[in-house]
Amino acid sequence: MTVIPVKRKSKSGKVYYNLVDEKRVNGKVVQNYVGYLGKSLNSKTEVDPDQLVKYVSRLLKKGISQEEIDEILKKIGIDYDAWPITKIIIENDLKLQKVFLKLK
């Protein structure tokens, strides 16, 4: 099982990214949809839950500034291209058994 990001275009020409599980079956590559990544490949990043726990209370603060968010993400080691950040989503994907931080 190999989980990889795949770029897809919609009928309207917009680009979206999905996670797919890619494996060989009878000599052919078969892709199974795993999850939606978003409009940007960098909008959803796998994180180490132990490293994220230290910063969750700061990220959930109502009046957090863009500078504080940027500082926290740099400490965690996350590159992102969303600016300004209006949503921070912590996602526990039980199927993949991974934790993701999604930024919008």
N, C-alpha and C. Protein backbone atom coordinates (compact mmCIF):
# COMPACT_ATOMS: atom_id res chain seq x y z
N MET A 1 0.84 -1.19 0.00
CA MET A 1 0.00 0.00 0.00
C MET A 1 0.88 1.24 0.00
N THR A 2 0.66 2.10 -0.98
CA THR A 2 1.37 3.36 -1.07
C THR A 2 0.34 4.47 -1.17
N VAL A 3 0.35 5.39 -0.22
CA VAL A 3 -0.59 6.50 -0.24
C VAL A 3 0.14 7.72 -0.80
N ILE A 4 -0.39 8.27 -1.90
CA ILE A 4 0.24 9.40 -2.57
C ILE A 4 -0.79 10.49 -2.86
N PRO A 5 -0.34 11.76 -2.96
CA PRO A 5 -1.26 12.81 -3.38
C PRO A 5 -1.40 12.79 -4.90
N VAL A 6 -2.61 13.03 -5.40
CA VAL A 6 -2.88 13.03 -6.83
C VAL A 6 -3.63 14.31 -7.19
N LYS A 7 -3.17 14.96 -8.26
CA LYS A 7 -3.79 16.20 -8.73
C LYS A 7 -4.94 15.85 -9.68
N ARG A 8 -6.09 16.46 -9.46
CA ARG A 8 -7.27 16.24 -10.31
C ARG A 8 -7.82 17.59 -10.76
N LYS A 9 -8.30 17.64 -11.98
CA LYS A 9 -8.95 18.85 -12.48
C LYS A 9 -10.44 18.61 -12.57
N SER A 10 -11.21 19.61 -12.19
CA SER A 10 -12.67 19.51 -12.31
C SER A 10 -13.08 19.95 -13.71
N LYS A 11 -14.35 19.80 -14.02
CA LYS A 11 -14.86 20.21 -15.34
C LYS A 11 -14.68 21.70 -15.57
N SER A 12 -14.72 22.48 -14.49
CA SER A 12 -14.56 23.93 -14.62
C SER A 12 -13.10 24.36 -14.71
N GLY A 13 -12.17 23.39 -14.62
CA GLY A 13 -10.75 23.70 -14.76
C GLY A 13 -10.02 23.96 -13.46
N LYS A 14 -10.72 23.91 -12.33
CA LYS A 14 -10.07 24.11 -11.04
C LYS A 14 -9.28 22.87 -10.66
N VAL A 15 -8.21 23.07 -9.92
CA VAL A 15 -7.34 21.95 -9.52
C VAL A 15 -7.61 21.58 -8.07
N TYR A 16 -7.75 20.28 -7.82
CA TYR A 16 -7.95 19.75 -6.48
C TYR A 16 -6.99 18.59 -6.27
N TYR A 17 -6.64 18.33 -5.01
CA TYR A 17 -5.73 17.24 -4.68
C TYR A 17 -6.43 16.21 -3.80
N ASN A 18 -6.22 14.95 -4.12
CA ASN A 18 -6.77 13.85 -3.34
C ASN A 18 -5.64 12.93 -2.90
N LEU A 19 -5.86 12.21 -1.82
CA LEU A 19 -4.94 11.15 -1.42
C LEU A 19 -5.49 9.85 -1.99
N VAL A 20 -4.63 9.07 -2.62
CA VAL A 20 -5.06 7.78 -3.14
C VAL A 20 -4.10 6.69 -2.67
N ASP A 21 -4.65 5.51 -2.51
CA ASP A 21 -3.88 4.31 -2.18
C ASP A 21 -3.61 3.61 -3.51
N GLU A 22 -2.34 3.46 -3.84
CA GLU A 22 -1.97 2.87 -5.12
C GLU A 22 -1.30 1.52 -4.89
N LYS A 23 -1.80 0.48 -5.59
CA LYS A 23 -1.20 -0.84 -5.46
C LYS A 23 -1.39 -1.60 -6.77
N ARG A 24 -0.61 -2.64 -6.95
CA ARG A 24 -0.70 -3.47 -8.15
C ARG A 24 -1.62 -4.66 -7.90
N VAL A 25 -2.54 -4.88 -8.83
CA VAL A 25 -3.44 -6.01 -8.78
C VAL A 25 -3.41 -6.66 -10.17
N ASN A 26 -2.98 -7.91 -10.22
CA ASN A 26 -2.87 -8.64 -11.49
C ASN A 26 -2.03 -7.88 -12.52
N GLY A 27 -0.94 -7.26 -12.05
CA GLY A 27 -0.03 -6.55 -12.95
C GLY A 27 -0.46 -5.16 -13.35
N LYS A 28 -1.60 -4.68 -12.88
CA LYS A 28 -2.09 -3.35 -13.20
C LYS A 28 -2.13 -2.49 -11.95
N VAL A 29 -1.89 -1.20 -12.14
CA VAL A 29 -1.96 -0.26 -11.02
C VAL A 29 -3.42 0.10 -10.76
N VAL A 30 -3.84 -0.06 -9.50
CA VAL A 30 -5.21 0.25 -9.10
C VAL A 30 -5.14 1.35 -8.04
N GLN A 31 -5.93 2.41 -8.24
CA GLN A 31 -5.97 3.51 -7.28
C GLN A 31 -7.30 3.50 -6.55
N ASN A 32 -7.24 3.63 -5.23
CA ASN A 32 -8.44 3.75 -4.40
C ASN A 32 -8.39 5.08 -3.67
N TYR A 33 -9.48 5.80 -3.73
CA TYR A 33 -9.60 7.10 -3.07
C TYR A 33 -9.50 6.93 -1.56
N VAL A 34 -8.65 7.76 -0.92
CA VAL A 34 -8.48 7.70 0.53
C VAL A 34 -9.06 8.95 1.19
N GLY A 35 -8.75 10.12 0.63
CA GLY A 35 -9.23 11.35 1.25
C GLY A 35 -8.95 12.57 0.40
N TYR A 36 -9.58 13.67 0.76
CA TYR A 36 -9.46 14.94 0.06
C TYR A 36 -8.40 15.78 0.73
N LEU A 37 -7.46 16.33 -0.05
CA LEU A 37 -6.42 17.20 0.51
C LEU A 37 -6.80 18.67 0.44
N GLY A 38 -7.47 19.08 -0.62
CA GLY A 38 -7.86 20.47 -0.76
C GLY A 38 -7.41 21.06 -2.08
N LYS A 39 -7.45 22.38 -2.16
CA LYS A 39 -7.08 23.06 -3.40
C LYS A 39 -5.58 23.28 -3.51
N SER A 40 -4.89 23.14 -2.42
CA SER A 40 -3.44 23.31 -2.41
C SER A 40 -2.80 22.08 -1.79
N LEU A 41 -1.71 21.64 -2.40
CA LEU A 41 -1.02 20.46 -1.88
C LEU A 41 -0.47 20.70 -0.48
N ASN A 42 -0.15 21.96 -0.17
CA ASN A 42 0.40 22.29 1.14
C ASN A 42 -0.66 22.66 2.17
N SER A 43 -1.95 22.55 1.81
CA SER A 43 -2.99 22.97 2.75
C SER A 43 -3.22 21.95 3.86
N LYS A 44 -2.76 20.71 3.65
CA LYS A 44 -2.95 19.67 4.65
C LYS A 44 -1.61 18.97 4.85
N THR A 45 -1.12 18.95 6.09
CA THR A 45 0.20 18.41 6.37
C THR A 45 0.11 17.40 7.50
N GLU A 46 0.79 16.26 7.33
CA GLU A 46 0.82 15.28 8.41
C GLU A 46 1.69 15.83 9.53
N VAL A 47 1.22 15.69 10.76
CA VAL A 47 1.97 16.18 11.92
C VAL A 47 2.10 15.09 12.96
N ASP A 48 3.12 15.24 13.79
CA ASP A 48 3.32 14.35 14.92
C ASP A 48 2.42 14.85 16.06
N PRO A 49 1.46 14.05 16.50
CA PRO A 49 0.53 14.52 17.55
C PRO A 49 1.24 14.99 18.81
N ASP A 50 2.32 14.32 19.20
CA ASP A 50 3.04 14.73 20.40
C ASP A 50 3.64 16.12 20.26
N GLN A 51 4.09 16.45 19.06
CA GLN A 51 4.67 17.77 18.82
C GLN A 51 3.58 18.85 18.76
N LEU A 52 2.41 18.48 18.24
CA LEU A 52 1.31 19.43 18.09
C LEU A 52 0.64 19.77 19.41
N VAL A 53 0.57 18.82 20.33
CA VAL A 53 -0.14 18.99 21.60
C VAL A 53 0.36 20.23 22.36
N LYS A 54 1.64 20.51 22.29
CA LYS A 54 2.21 21.66 23.00
C LYS A 54 1.60 22.99 22.55
N TYR A 55 1.11 23.03 21.30
CA TYR A 55 0.68 24.29 20.72
C TYR A 55 -0.83 24.40 20.52
N VAL A 56 -1.57 23.35 20.80
CA VAL A 56 -3.02 23.35 20.53
C VAL A 56 -3.72 24.49 21.26
N SER A 57 -3.43 24.70 22.53
CA SER A 57 -4.13 25.75 23.28
C SER A 57 -3.84 27.13 22.69
N ARG A 58 -2.61 27.36 22.22
CA ARG A 58 -2.28 28.65 21.59
C ARG A 58 -2.99 28.80 20.26
N LEU A 59 -3.07 27.71 19.47
CA LEU A 59 -3.74 27.78 18.17
C LEU A 59 -5.24 28.00 18.31
N LEU A 60 -5.82 27.55 19.43
CA LEU A 60 -7.26 27.68 19.65
C LEU A 60 -7.65 29.01 20.30
N LYS A 61 -6.66 29.84 20.62
CA LYS A 61 -6.94 31.14 21.23
C LYS A 61 -7.74 32.00 20.24
N LYS A 62 -8.82 32.61 20.71
CA LYS A 62 -9.72 33.36 19.83
C LYS A 62 -9.04 34.53 19.11
N GLY A 63 -8.20 35.25 19.76
CA GLY A 63 -7.60 36.44 19.16
C GLY A 63 -6.20 36.21 18.61
N ILE A 64 -5.87 35.01 18.20
CA ILE A 64 -4.51 34.72 17.74
C ILE A 64 -4.20 35.50 16.45
N SER A 65 -3.00 36.05 16.39
CA SER A 65 -2.61 36.85 15.23
C SER A 65 -1.95 35.96 14.18
N GLN A 66 -1.88 36.48 12.96
CA GLN A 66 -1.22 35.75 11.87
C GLN A 66 0.25 35.51 12.19
N GLU A 67 0.87 36.44 12.89
CA GLU A 67 2.27 36.30 13.26
C GLU A 67 2.48 35.16 14.25
N GLU A 68 1.55 35.05 15.23
CA GLU A 68 1.63 33.94 16.19
C GLU A 68 1.44 32.59 15.50
N ILE A 69 0.49 32.53 14.57
CA ILE A 69 0.26 31.30 13.81
C ILE A 69 1.51 30.93 13.03
N ASP A 70 2.10 31.91 12.36
CA ASP A 70 3.32 31.69 11.58
C ASP A 70 4.45 31.17 12.46
N GLU A 71 4.61 31.75 13.64
CA GLU A 71 5.66 31.33 14.59
C GLU A 71 5.46 29.87 15.03
N ILE A 72 4.23 29.51 15.35
CA ILE A 72 3.92 28.14 15.79
C ILE A 72 4.18 27.15 14.66
N LEU A 73 3.71 27.47 13.45
CA LEU A 73 3.89 26.56 12.33
C LEU A 73 5.35 26.36 11.98
N LYS A 74 6.15 27.41 12.12
CA LYS A 74 7.60 27.28 11.89
C LYS A 74 8.23 26.35 12.92
N LYS A 75 7.79 26.46 14.19
CA LYS A 75 8.33 25.58 15.23
C LYS A 75 7.97 24.12 14.98
N ILE A 76 6.76 23.88 14.45
CA ILE A 76 6.33 22.52 14.13
C ILE A 76 7.01 22.02 12.85
N GLY A 77 7.45 22.97 12.00
CA GLY A 77 8.11 22.60 10.75
C GLY A 77 7.17 22.47 9.58
N ILE A 78 6.12 23.29 9.57
CA ILE A 78 5.12 23.22 8.51
C ILE A 78 5.28 24.39 7.55
N ASP A 79 5.42 24.05 6.25
CA ASP A 79 5.41 25.06 5.19
C ASP A 79 3.98 25.20 4.71
N TYR A 80 3.55 26.41 4.43
CA TYR A 80 2.18 26.62 3.97
C TYR A 80 2.15 27.82 3.04
N ASP A 81 1.11 27.86 2.21
CA ASP A 81 0.98 28.98 1.28
C ASP A 81 -0.33 29.74 1.43
N ALA A 82 -1.11 29.41 2.43
CA ALA A 82 -2.38 30.11 2.68
C ALA A 82 -2.09 31.38 3.48
N TRP A 83 -2.59 32.52 3.00
CA TRP A 83 -2.42 33.77 3.74
C TRP A 83 -3.56 34.70 3.37
N PRO A 84 -4.27 35.27 4.25
CA PRO A 84 -4.24 35.01 5.68
C PRO A 84 -4.93 33.68 6.01
N ILE A 85 -4.53 33.11 7.10
CA ILE A 85 -5.13 31.86 7.55
C ILE A 85 -6.43 32.19 8.28
N THR A 86 -7.53 31.60 7.82
CA THR A 86 -8.83 31.87 8.44
C THR A 86 -9.37 30.65 9.18
N LYS A 87 -8.82 29.45 8.87
CA LYS A 87 -9.25 28.23 9.55
C LYS A 87 -8.05 27.35 9.83
N ILE A 88 -8.04 26.76 11.02
CA ILE A 88 -7.04 25.77 11.40
C ILE A 88 -7.81 24.53 11.82
N ILE A 89 -7.58 23.43 11.10
CA ILE A 89 -8.33 22.20 11.35
C ILE A 89 -7.35 21.10 11.72
N ILE A 90 -7.56 20.47 12.86
CA ILE A 90 -6.76 19.32 13.27
C ILE A 90 -7.60 18.09 12.98
N GLU A 91 -7.07 17.23 12.13
CA GLU A 91 -7.84 16.08 11.64
C GLU A 91 -7.15 14.77 12.01
N ASN A 92 -7.87 13.91 12.70
CA ASN A 92 -7.38 12.58 13.05
C ASN A 92 -7.99 11.60 12.06
N ASP A 93 -7.21 11.16 11.08
CA ASP A 93 -7.70 10.25 10.05
C ASP A 93 -7.56 8.82 10.57
N LEU A 94 -8.67 8.24 10.99
CA LEU A 94 -8.64 6.91 11.59
C LEU A 94 -8.33 5.83 10.56
N LYS A 95 -8.69 6.06 9.31
CA LYS A 95 -8.42 5.09 8.26
C LYS A 95 -6.92 5.00 7.98
N LEU A 96 -6.25 6.16 7.88
CA LEU A 96 -4.81 6.19 7.62
C LEU A 96 -4.00 6.07 8.90
N GLN A 97 -4.63 6.28 10.04
CA GLN A 97 -3.97 6.32 11.34
C GLN A 97 -2.88 7.40 11.36
N LYS A 98 -3.28 8.59 10.91
CA LYS A 98 -2.38 9.75 10.88
C LYS A 98 -3.14 10.97 11.34
N VAL A 99 -2.39 11.98 11.80
CA VAL A 99 -2.96 13.25 12.21
C VAL A 99 -2.50 14.31 11.23
N PHE A 100 -3.45 15.13 10.74
CA PHE A 100 -3.15 16.18 9.79
C PHE A 100 -3.53 17.52 10.36
N LEU A 101 -2.78 18.54 9.97
CA LEU A 101 -3.12 19.93 10.28
C LEU A 101 -3.49 20.56 8.95
N LYS A 102 -4.71 21.07 8.84
CA LYS A 102 -5.19 21.64 7.59
C LYS A 102 -5.39 23.14 7.79
N LEU A 103 -4.87 23.93 6.85
CA LEU A 103 -4.95 25.37 6.94
C LEU A 103 -5.75 25.91 5.77
N LYS A 104 -6.62 26.87 6.05
CA LYS A 104 -7.38 27.56 4.99
C LYS A 104 -7.27 29.04 5.19
